[in-house]
């Protein structure tokens, strides 16, 4: 998500509430689905050389009402725990003309403008490097490549990309 603060001097790139809800819903549903499919999966995996398979098979074969409801509930909670971790640790970047504030989970750090030598997308992630080539940030950032590039350019950061180079050559 790309939004500008009311003061107009900062741009925030962060995971939207809708994306967070989608991650929670998908991972929670995947956990519940795995809990429902576990007995079937274990029956079909009986021929695989899995260590301690007898224990897994025993757990999967219990058909008491508590286990039938408990497996999906517990695995749904495990899915929600993974979703919480993913959404909590997702990077939030606040970009100003003078610095970039990077928040991941409970940790925040500041990258001063003078430390930034280049910014570009690499493998679906945003990479910020110093003039010496030291990696200052390399992680996923929400908003889409075009919006992310526009946010960095708006604040005067050196966005380096193939699209930009091809546009400059054709002009």
N, C-alpha and C. Protein backbone atom coordinates (compact mmCIF):
# COMPACT_ATOMS: atom_id res chain seq x y z
N UNK A 1 0.85 -1.18 0.00
CA UNK A 1 0.00 0.00 0.00
C UNK A 1 0.88 1.22 0.00
N UNK A 2 0.54 2.18 -0.78
CA UNK A 2 1.31 3.41 -0.89
C UNK A 2 0.40 4.55 -0.47
N UNK A 3 0.75 5.22 0.60
CA UNK A 3 -0.06 6.35 1.03
C UNK A 3 0.84 7.47 1.48
N UNK A 4 0.36 8.69 1.30
CA UNK A 4 1.13 9.85 1.70
C UNK A 4 0.55 10.38 3.00
N UNK A 5 1.42 10.76 3.92
CA UNK A 5 0.97 11.33 5.19
C UNK A 5 0.27 12.65 4.92
N UNK A 6 -0.60 13.09 5.83
CA UNK A 6 -1.31 14.35 5.64
C UNK A 6 -0.38 15.53 5.45
N UNK A 7 0.80 15.50 6.07
CA UNK A 7 1.74 16.60 5.92
C UNK A 7 2.34 16.64 4.53
N UNK A 8 2.22 15.54 3.77
CA UNK A 8 2.70 15.51 2.41
C UNK A 8 4.18 15.27 2.28
N UNK A 9 4.88 15.07 3.38
CA UNK A 9 6.33 14.94 3.30
C UNK A 9 6.82 13.52 3.51
N UNK A 10 5.94 12.55 3.65
CA UNK A 10 6.36 11.16 3.84
C UNK A 10 5.43 10.23 3.07
N UNK A 11 6.00 9.15 2.60
CA UNK A 11 5.23 8.11 1.92
C UNK A 11 5.42 6.82 2.69
N UNK A 12 4.33 6.13 2.98
CA UNK A 12 4.38 4.89 3.73
C UNK A 12 4.05 3.71 2.83
N UNK A 13 4.92 2.72 2.85
CA UNK A 13 4.68 1.47 2.13
C UNK A 13 4.49 0.40 3.18
N UNK A 14 3.28 -0.15 3.27
CA UNK A 14 2.97 -1.12 4.31
C UNK A 14 1.90 -2.09 3.83
N UNK A 15 1.77 -3.20 4.53
CA UNK A 15 0.74 -4.18 4.21
C UNK A 15 -0.62 -3.60 4.61
N UNK A 16 -1.57 -3.63 3.69
CA UNK A 16 -2.90 -3.09 3.98
C UNK A 16 -3.67 -4.02 4.91
N UNK A 17 -4.68 -3.49 5.54
CA UNK A 17 -5.53 -4.29 6.42
C UNK A 17 -6.20 -5.42 5.63
N UNK A 18 -6.60 -5.13 4.40
CA UNK A 18 -7.23 -6.15 3.56
C UNK A 18 -6.28 -7.31 3.25
N UNK A 19 -5.02 -6.99 3.00
CA UNK A 19 -4.03 -8.04 2.75
C UNK A 19 -3.79 -8.86 4.00
N UNK A 20 -3.74 -8.20 5.14
CA UNK A 20 -3.55 -8.93 6.41
C UNK A 20 -4.71 -9.89 6.65
N UNK A 21 -5.94 -9.43 6.43
CA UNK A 21 -7.12 -10.28 6.62
C UNK A 21 -7.06 -11.47 5.66
N UNK A 22 -6.64 -11.22 4.43
CA UNK A 22 -6.53 -12.30 3.44
C UNK A 22 -5.50 -13.34 3.89
N UNK A 23 -4.34 -12.90 4.37
CA UNK A 23 -3.30 -13.82 4.85
C UNK A 23 -3.84 -14.64 6.02
N UNK A 24 -4.51 -13.98 6.97
CA UNK A 24 -5.07 -14.68 8.12
C UNK A 24 -6.12 -15.71 7.67
N UNK A 25 -7.00 -15.31 6.77
CA UNK A 25 -8.07 -16.21 6.32
C UNK A 25 -7.50 -17.41 5.57
N UNK A 26 -6.55 -17.18 4.67
CA UNK A 26 -6.00 -18.28 3.87
C UNK A 26 -5.23 -19.25 4.74
N UNK A 27 -4.36 -18.76 5.62
CA UNK A 27 -3.57 -19.67 6.44
C UNK A 27 -4.42 -20.36 7.51
N UNK A 28 -5.40 -19.68 8.06
CA UNK A 28 -6.31 -20.33 9.01
C UNK A 28 -7.11 -21.42 8.33
N UNK A 29 -7.64 -21.13 7.14
CA UNK A 29 -8.41 -22.13 6.38
C UNK A 29 -7.52 -23.29 5.95
N UNK A 30 -6.28 -23.00 5.59
CA UNK A 30 -5.35 -24.08 5.21
C UNK A 30 -5.10 -25.01 6.39
N UNK A 31 -4.96 -24.46 7.58
CA UNK A 31 -4.77 -25.29 8.77
C UNK A 31 -5.99 -26.15 9.05
N UNK A 32 -7.17 -25.57 8.95
CA UNK A 32 -8.41 -26.33 9.17
C UNK A 32 -8.52 -27.43 8.11
N UNK A 33 -8.24 -27.09 6.85
CA UNK A 33 -8.31 -28.07 5.77
C UNK A 33 -7.33 -29.22 5.99
N UNK A 34 -6.12 -28.89 6.44
CA UNK A 34 -5.15 -29.94 6.73
C UNK A 34 -5.64 -30.83 7.87
N UNK A 35 -6.25 -30.21 8.88
CA UNK A 35 -6.80 -31.00 9.99
C UNK A 35 -7.88 -31.95 9.55
N UNK A 36 -8.72 -31.52 8.62
CA UNK A 36 -9.78 -32.38 8.10
C UNK A 36 -9.22 -33.49 7.21
N UNK A 37 -8.17 -33.19 6.46
CA UNK A 37 -7.60 -34.15 5.51
C UNK A 37 -6.54 -35.05 6.13
N UNK A 38 -6.14 -34.78 7.36
CA UNK A 38 -5.04 -35.53 7.97
C UNK A 38 -5.24 -37.04 7.99
N UNK A 39 -6.40 -37.55 8.40
CA UNK A 39 -6.57 -39.02 8.38
C UNK A 39 -6.38 -39.60 6.98
N UNK A 40 -6.96 -38.98 5.99
CA UNK A 40 -6.82 -39.45 4.62
C UNK A 40 -5.36 -39.38 4.16
N UNK A 41 -4.67 -38.27 4.47
CA UNK A 41 -3.25 -38.13 4.10
C UNK A 41 -2.39 -39.21 4.74
N UNK A 42 -2.65 -39.49 6.01
CA UNK A 42 -1.86 -40.49 6.70
C UNK A 42 -2.12 -41.90 6.16
N UNK A 43 -3.34 -42.19 5.78
CA UNK A 43 -3.64 -43.50 5.18
C UNK A 43 -2.89 -43.67 3.86
N UNK A 44 -2.84 -42.63 3.06
CA UNK A 44 -2.16 -42.70 1.77
C UNK A 44 -0.64 -42.66 1.91
N UNK A 45 -0.14 -42.15 3.02
CA UNK A 45 1.30 -42.07 3.24
C UNK A 45 1.84 -43.29 3.96
N UNK A 46 1.01 -44.29 4.18
CA UNK A 46 1.42 -45.47 4.96
C UNK A 46 2.61 -46.20 4.34
N UNK A 47 2.77 -46.12 3.04
CA UNK A 47 3.87 -46.84 2.39
C UNK A 47 5.17 -46.03 2.34
N UNK A 48 5.15 -44.78 2.77
CA UNK A 48 6.35 -43.94 2.72
C UNK A 48 7.26 -44.26 3.91
N UNK A 49 8.56 -44.16 3.72
CA UNK A 49 9.49 -44.43 4.84
C UNK A 49 9.64 -43.21 5.75
N UNK A 50 8.63 -42.96 6.56
CA UNK A 50 8.63 -41.81 7.47
C UNK A 50 8.97 -42.31 8.87
N UNK A 51 9.98 -41.70 9.53
CA UNK A 51 10.30 -42.13 10.90
C UNK A 51 9.11 -41.87 11.84
N UNK A 52 8.92 -42.74 12.77
CA UNK A 52 7.85 -42.64 13.77
C UNK A 52 6.46 -42.57 13.13
N UNK A 53 6.30 -43.18 11.98
CA UNK A 53 5.03 -43.14 11.28
C UNK A 53 3.91 -43.77 12.10
N UNK A 54 4.25 -44.79 12.91
CA UNK A 54 3.23 -45.45 13.73
C UNK A 54 2.54 -44.46 14.65
N UNK A 55 3.29 -43.50 15.18
CA UNK A 55 2.71 -42.49 16.07
C UNK A 55 1.75 -41.61 15.28
N UNK A 56 2.20 -41.15 14.11
CA UNK A 56 1.34 -40.31 13.27
C UNK A 56 0.07 -41.06 12.85
N UNK A 57 0.25 -42.32 12.48
CA UNK A 57 -0.89 -43.13 12.05
C UNK A 57 -1.89 -43.31 13.20
N UNK A 58 -1.37 -43.50 14.39
CA UNK A 58 -2.25 -43.67 15.56
C UNK A 58 -3.04 -42.39 15.83
N UNK A 59 -2.37 -41.25 15.75
CA UNK A 59 -3.06 -39.97 15.98
C UNK A 59 -4.11 -39.74 14.89
N UNK A 60 -3.76 -40.04 13.64
CA UNK A 60 -4.69 -39.84 12.53
C UNK A 60 -5.87 -40.78 12.54
N UNK A 61 -5.74 -41.95 13.18
CA UNK A 61 -6.81 -42.94 13.15
C UNK A 61 -7.82 -42.77 14.28
N UNK A 62 -7.52 -41.92 15.24
CA UNK A 62 -8.47 -41.71 16.35
C UNK A 62 -9.69 -40.97 15.82
N UNK A 63 -10.83 -41.54 16.00
CA UNK A 63 -12.07 -40.96 15.47
C UNK A 63 -13.02 -40.50 16.57
N UNK A 64 -12.50 -40.22 17.74
CA UNK A 64 -13.37 -39.70 18.80
C UNK A 64 -13.85 -38.31 18.40
N UNK A 65 -15.02 -37.90 18.89
CA UNK A 65 -15.53 -36.57 18.53
C UNK A 65 -14.55 -35.44 18.87
N UNK A 66 -13.82 -35.60 19.97
CA UNK A 66 -12.84 -34.58 20.36
C UNK A 66 -11.73 -34.45 19.31
N UNK A 67 -11.21 -35.59 18.83
CA UNK A 67 -10.13 -35.56 17.84
C UNK A 67 -10.64 -35.11 16.47
N UNK A 68 -11.84 -35.52 16.11
CA UNK A 68 -12.39 -35.12 14.81
C UNK A 68 -12.52 -33.59 14.76
N UNK A 69 -12.97 -32.99 15.84
CA UNK A 69 -13.09 -31.52 15.89
C UNK A 69 -11.77 -30.88 16.29
N UNK A 70 -10.98 -31.57 17.10
CA UNK A 70 -9.75 -31.00 17.63
C UNK A 70 -8.65 -30.83 16.61
N UNK A 71 -8.48 -31.80 15.71
CA UNK A 71 -7.42 -31.70 14.70
C UNK A 71 -7.58 -30.44 13.86
N UNK A 72 -8.76 -30.20 13.26
CA UNK A 72 -8.90 -28.97 12.46
C UNK A 72 -8.75 -27.71 13.30
N UNK A 73 -9.26 -27.73 14.53
CA UNK A 73 -9.17 -26.54 15.38
C UNK A 73 -7.71 -26.23 15.72
N UNK A 74 -6.97 -27.24 16.12
CA UNK A 74 -5.57 -27.03 16.50
C UNK A 74 -4.75 -26.60 15.29
N UNK A 75 -4.92 -27.28 14.16
CA UNK A 75 -4.15 -26.90 12.99
C UNK A 75 -4.60 -25.55 12.42
N UNK A 76 -5.86 -25.20 12.60
CA UNK A 76 -6.32 -23.85 12.24
C UNK A 76 -5.61 -22.80 13.08
N UNK A 77 -5.45 -23.07 14.38
CA UNK A 77 -4.71 -22.15 15.25
C UNK A 77 -3.24 -22.06 14.86
N UNK A 78 -2.66 -23.18 14.45
CA UNK A 78 -1.26 -23.15 13.97
C UNK A 78 -1.17 -22.27 12.72
N UNK A 79 -2.12 -22.40 11.81
CA UNK A 79 -2.15 -21.56 10.61
C UNK A 79 -2.28 -20.09 10.97
N UNK A 80 -3.13 -19.78 11.95
CA UNK A 80 -3.27 -18.40 12.40
C UNK A 80 -2.00 -17.88 13.06
N UNK A 81 -1.28 -18.75 13.75
CA UNK A 81 0.00 -18.34 14.36
C UNK A 81 1.01 -17.97 13.27
N UNK A 82 1.07 -18.78 12.21
CA UNK A 82 1.94 -18.44 11.09
C UNK A 82 1.51 -17.13 10.45
N UNK A 83 0.22 -16.92 10.28
CA UNK A 83 -0.30 -15.68 9.69
C UNK A 83 0.07 -14.49 10.56
N UNK A 84 -0.04 -14.62 11.88
CA UNK A 84 0.34 -13.53 12.77
C UNK A 84 1.81 -13.18 12.58
N UNK A 85 2.65 -14.20 12.52
CA UNK A 85 4.08 -13.96 12.35
C UNK A 85 4.35 -13.24 11.03
N UNK A 86 3.73 -13.70 9.96
CA UNK A 86 3.95 -13.10 8.64
C UNK A 86 3.50 -11.65 8.63
N UNK A 87 2.30 -11.37 9.15
CA UNK A 87 1.79 -10.00 9.10
C UNK A 87 2.50 -9.09 10.09
N UNK A 88 2.91 -9.62 11.22
CA UNK A 88 3.60 -8.79 12.22
C UNK A 88 5.00 -8.43 11.76
N UNK A 89 5.68 -9.36 11.09
CA UNK A 89 7.06 -9.14 10.67
C UNK A 89 7.17 -8.48 9.29
N UNK A 90 6.06 -8.22 8.61
CA UNK A 90 6.12 -7.58 7.29
C UNK A 90 6.71 -6.18 7.43
N UNK A 91 7.59 -5.83 6.51
CA UNK A 91 8.29 -4.55 6.57
C UNK A 91 7.35 -3.39 6.25
N UNK A 92 7.52 -2.31 7.01
CA UNK A 92 6.85 -1.04 6.74
C UNK A 92 7.93 0.00 6.52
N UNK A 93 7.89 0.67 5.38
CA UNK A 93 8.86 1.70 5.06
C UNK A 93 8.17 3.06 5.06
N UNK A 94 8.73 4.01 5.79
CA UNK A 94 8.26 5.39 5.75
C UNK A 94 9.38 6.18 5.09
N UNK A 95 9.10 6.69 3.90
CA UNK A 95 10.11 7.34 3.08
C UNK A 95 9.92 8.85 3.13
N UNK A 96 10.97 9.55 3.48
CA UNK A 96 10.98 11.01 3.41
C UNK A 96 12.18 11.42 2.56
N UNK A 97 12.31 12.72 2.28
CA UNK A 97 13.44 13.19 1.49
C UNK A 97 14.76 12.97 2.22
N UNK A 98 14.74 12.93 3.55
CA UNK A 98 15.99 12.83 4.33
C UNK A 98 16.34 11.45 4.83
N UNK A 99 15.36 10.54 4.94
CA UNK A 99 15.65 9.23 5.52
C UNK A 99 14.55 8.24 5.19
N UNK A 100 14.86 6.97 5.39
CA UNK A 100 13.89 5.89 5.25
C UNK A 100 13.82 5.18 6.60
N UNK A 101 12.62 5.12 7.16
CA UNK A 101 12.41 4.40 8.41
C UNK A 101 11.90 3.01 8.06
N UNK A 102 12.62 1.98 8.52
CA UNK A 102 12.26 0.59 8.23
C UNK A 102 11.81 -0.06 9.53
N UNK A 103 10.56 -0.52 9.57
CA UNK A 103 10.03 -1.21 10.74
C UNK A 103 9.69 -2.63 10.35
N UNK A 104 10.28 -3.58 11.07
CA UNK A 104 9.99 -5.01 10.88
C UNK A 104 9.68 -5.58 12.25
N UNK A 105 8.40 -5.93 12.47
CA UNK A 105 7.99 -6.41 13.78
C UNK A 105 8.07 -5.27 14.78
N UNK A 106 8.83 -5.47 15.85
CA UNK A 106 8.99 -4.44 16.88
C UNK A 106 10.26 -3.63 16.70
N UNK A 107 11.04 -3.92 15.66
CA UNK A 107 12.31 -3.24 15.44
C UNK A 107 12.18 -2.18 14.37
N UNK A 108 12.71 -0.99 14.66
CA UNK A 108 12.72 0.10 13.70
C UNK A 108 14.14 0.61 13.57
N UNK A 109 14.53 0.89 12.34
CA UNK A 109 15.84 1.50 12.11
C UNK A 109 15.70 2.57 11.04
N UNK A 110 16.64 3.50 11.06
CA UNK A 110 16.61 4.63 10.14
C UNK A 110 17.78 4.50 9.18
N UNK A 111 17.49 4.64 7.89
CA UNK A 111 18.54 4.68 6.87
C UNK A 111 18.58 6.12 6.36
N UNK A 112 19.64 6.83 6.69
CA UNK A 112 19.77 8.23 6.26
C UNK A 112 19.94 8.30 4.75
N UNK A 113 19.47 9.39 4.16
CA UNK A 113 19.55 9.60 2.71
C UNK A 113 20.98 9.49 2.21
N UNK A 114 21.93 10.00 2.99
CA UNK A 114 23.33 9.99 2.58
C UNK A 114 23.92 8.57 2.53
N UNK A 115 23.26 7.61 3.19
CA UNK A 115 23.73 6.23 3.19
C UNK A 115 23.27 5.45 1.96
N UNK A 116 22.30 5.98 1.20
CA UNK A 116 21.68 5.25 0.10
C UNK A 116 22.40 5.53 -1.21
N UNK A 117 22.93 4.46 -1.82
CA UNK A 117 23.57 4.58 -3.12
C UNK A 117 22.67 4.15 -4.25
N UNK A 118 21.74 3.26 -3.98
CA UNK A 118 20.82 2.78 -5.01
C UNK A 118 19.69 1.98 -4.41
N UNK A 119 18.54 2.02 -5.07
CA UNK A 119 17.36 1.26 -4.66
C UNK A 119 16.83 0.57 -5.92
N UNK A 120 16.51 -0.71 -5.80
CA UNK A 120 15.96 -1.42 -6.95
C UNK A 120 15.21 -2.65 -6.49
N UNK A 121 14.43 -3.20 -7.40
CA UNK A 121 13.70 -4.45 -7.13
C UNK A 121 14.58 -5.61 -7.56
N UNK A 122 14.68 -6.60 -6.70
CA UNK A 122 15.47 -7.78 -7.02
C UNK A 122 14.72 -9.01 -6.55
N UNK A 123 14.30 -9.83 -7.50
CA UNK A 123 13.61 -11.07 -7.16
C UNK A 123 12.33 -10.87 -6.39
N UNK A 124 11.57 -9.83 -6.70
CA UNK A 124 10.32 -9.57 -6.00
C UNK A 124 10.49 -8.84 -4.68
N UNK A 125 11.71 -8.46 -4.36
CA UNK A 125 11.99 -7.75 -3.11
C UNK A 125 12.63 -6.41 -3.44
N UNK A 126 12.55 -5.48 -2.50
CA UNK A 126 13.21 -4.20 -2.65
C UNK A 126 14.57 -4.29 -1.98
N UNK A 127 15.56 -3.78 -2.67
CA UNK A 127 16.93 -3.81 -2.14
C UNK A 127 17.45 -2.39 -2.10
N UNK A 128 17.94 -2.00 -0.93
CA UNK A 128 18.56 -0.68 -0.75
C UNK A 128 20.02 -0.92 -0.45
N UNK A 129 20.90 -0.30 -1.25
CA UNK A 129 22.33 -0.48 -1.06
C UNK A 129 23.01 0.86 -0.81
N UNK A 130 24.13 0.78 -0.09
CA UNK A 130 24.96 1.97 0.14
C UNK A 130 25.79 2.23 -1.12
N UNK A 131 26.43 3.40 -1.22
CA UNK A 131 27.30 3.66 -2.38
C UNK A 131 28.43 2.63 -2.51
N UNK A 132 28.83 2.02 -1.39
CA UNK A 132 29.89 1.01 -1.42
C UNK A 132 29.36 -0.38 -1.77
N UNK A 133 28.06 -0.54 -1.89
CA UNK A 133 27.47 -1.82 -2.24
C UNK A 133 26.98 -2.64 -1.06
N UNK A 134 27.07 -2.10 0.14
CA UNK A 134 26.59 -2.82 1.33
C UNK A 134 25.06 -2.83 1.31
N UNK A 135 24.47 -3.97 1.59
CA UNK A 135 23.01 -4.11 1.59
C UNK A 135 22.46 -3.52 2.88
N UNK A 136 21.62 -2.48 2.75
CA UNK A 136 21.00 -1.84 3.90
C UNK A 136 19.62 -2.40 4.19
N UNK A 137 18.95 -2.89 3.15
CA UNK A 137 17.62 -3.48 3.29
C UNK A 137 17.40 -4.39 2.09
N UNK A 138 16.81 -5.56 2.34
CA UNK A 138 16.46 -6.48 1.24
C UNK A 138 15.31 -7.34 1.75
N UNK A 139 14.08 -6.96 1.39
CA UNK A 139 12.92 -7.70 1.85
C UNK A 139 11.72 -7.34 0.99
N UNK A 140 10.62 -8.06 1.20
CA UNK A 140 9.38 -7.76 0.51
C UNK A 140 8.81 -6.45 1.03
N UNK A 141 8.22 -5.67 0.11
CA UNK A 141 7.55 -4.43 0.47
C UNK A 141 6.23 -4.43 -0.29
N UNK A 142 5.16 -4.12 0.40
CA UNK A 142 3.83 -4.11 -0.21
C UNK A 142 3.63 -2.86 -1.06
N UNK A 143 2.84 -2.98 -2.11
CA UNK A 143 2.45 -1.83 -2.90
C UNK A 143 2.56 -2.03 -4.40
N UNK A 144 3.31 -3.01 -4.85
CA UNK A 144 3.48 -3.20 -6.28
C UNK A 144 4.69 -2.44 -6.78
N UNK A 145 5.33 -2.98 -7.79
CA UNK A 145 6.59 -2.42 -8.29
C UNK A 145 6.47 -0.96 -8.74
N UNK A 146 5.41 -0.63 -9.47
CA UNK A 146 5.25 0.74 -9.98
C UNK A 146 5.08 1.73 -8.84
N UNK A 147 4.24 1.41 -7.87
CA UNK A 147 4.00 2.31 -6.73
C UNK A 147 5.25 2.45 -5.87
N UNK A 148 5.99 1.36 -5.69
CA UNK A 148 7.21 1.42 -4.89
C UNK A 148 8.25 2.29 -5.59
N UNK A 149 8.43 2.08 -6.89
CA UNK A 149 9.38 2.90 -7.65
C UNK A 149 8.99 4.37 -7.59
N UNK A 150 7.71 4.66 -7.75
CA UNK A 150 7.24 6.05 -7.70
C UNK A 150 7.49 6.68 -6.33
N UNK A 151 7.31 5.91 -5.27
CA UNK A 151 7.52 6.44 -3.91
C UNK A 151 8.98 6.83 -3.71
N UNK A 152 9.90 5.97 -4.12
CA UNK A 152 11.32 6.29 -3.96
C UNK A 152 11.73 7.46 -4.84
N UNK A 153 11.26 7.48 -6.08
CA UNK A 153 11.60 8.58 -6.99
C UNK A 153 11.03 9.91 -6.48
N UNK A 154 9.81 9.88 -5.95
CA UNK A 154 9.17 11.10 -5.44
C UNK A 154 10.03 11.79 -4.39
N UNK A 155 10.77 10.99 -3.63
CA UNK A 155 11.61 11.56 -2.57
C UNK A 155 13.07 11.68 -2.98
N UNK A 156 13.36 11.48 -4.25
CA UNK A 156 14.70 11.72 -4.77
C UNK A 156 15.71 10.61 -4.57
N UNK A 157 15.26 9.40 -4.30
CA UNK A 157 16.19 8.28 -4.14
C UNK A 157 16.52 7.70 -5.50
N UNK A 158 17.74 7.22 -5.67
CA UNK A 158 18.16 6.69 -6.97
C UNK A 158 17.57 5.30 -7.26
N UNK A 159 16.36 5.29 -7.86
CA UNK A 159 15.71 4.03 -8.22
C UNK A 159 16.36 3.53 -9.50
N UNK A 160 16.88 2.32 -9.46
CA UNK A 160 17.55 1.72 -10.61
C UNK A 160 16.72 0.54 -11.09
N UNK A 161 16.32 0.60 -12.35
CA UNK A 161 15.53 -0.51 -12.88
C UNK A 161 15.69 -0.59 -14.38
N UNK A 162 15.39 -1.74 -14.93
CA UNK A 162 15.46 -1.94 -16.38
C UNK A 162 14.44 -1.05 -17.07
N UNK A 163 13.24 -0.92 -16.47
CA UNK A 163 12.19 -0.10 -17.08
C UNK A 163 12.66 1.35 -17.21
N UNK A 164 13.32 1.87 -16.16
CA UNK A 164 13.77 3.25 -16.16
C UNK A 164 14.86 3.43 -17.22
N UNK A 165 15.80 2.49 -17.31
CA UNK A 165 16.89 2.60 -18.26
C UNK A 165 16.37 2.56 -19.68
N UNK A 166 15.39 1.70 -19.98
CA UNK A 166 14.86 1.61 -21.33
C UNK A 166 14.08 2.87 -21.69
N UNK A 167 13.40 3.50 -20.74
CA UNK A 167 12.68 4.76 -21.00
C UNK A 167 13.67 5.88 -21.31
N UNK A 168 14.78 5.93 -20.57
CA UNK A 168 15.77 6.99 -20.78
C UNK A 168 16.45 6.83 -22.13
N UNK A 169 16.67 5.61 -22.59
CA UNK A 169 17.31 5.36 -23.88
C UNK A 169 16.40 5.79 -25.03
N UNK A 170 15.08 5.54 -24.89
CA UNK A 170 14.14 5.87 -25.95
C UNK A 170 13.82 7.36 -26.00
N UNK A 171 14.13 8.11 -24.98
CA UNK A 171 13.78 9.55 -24.98
C UNK A 171 14.80 10.39 -25.68
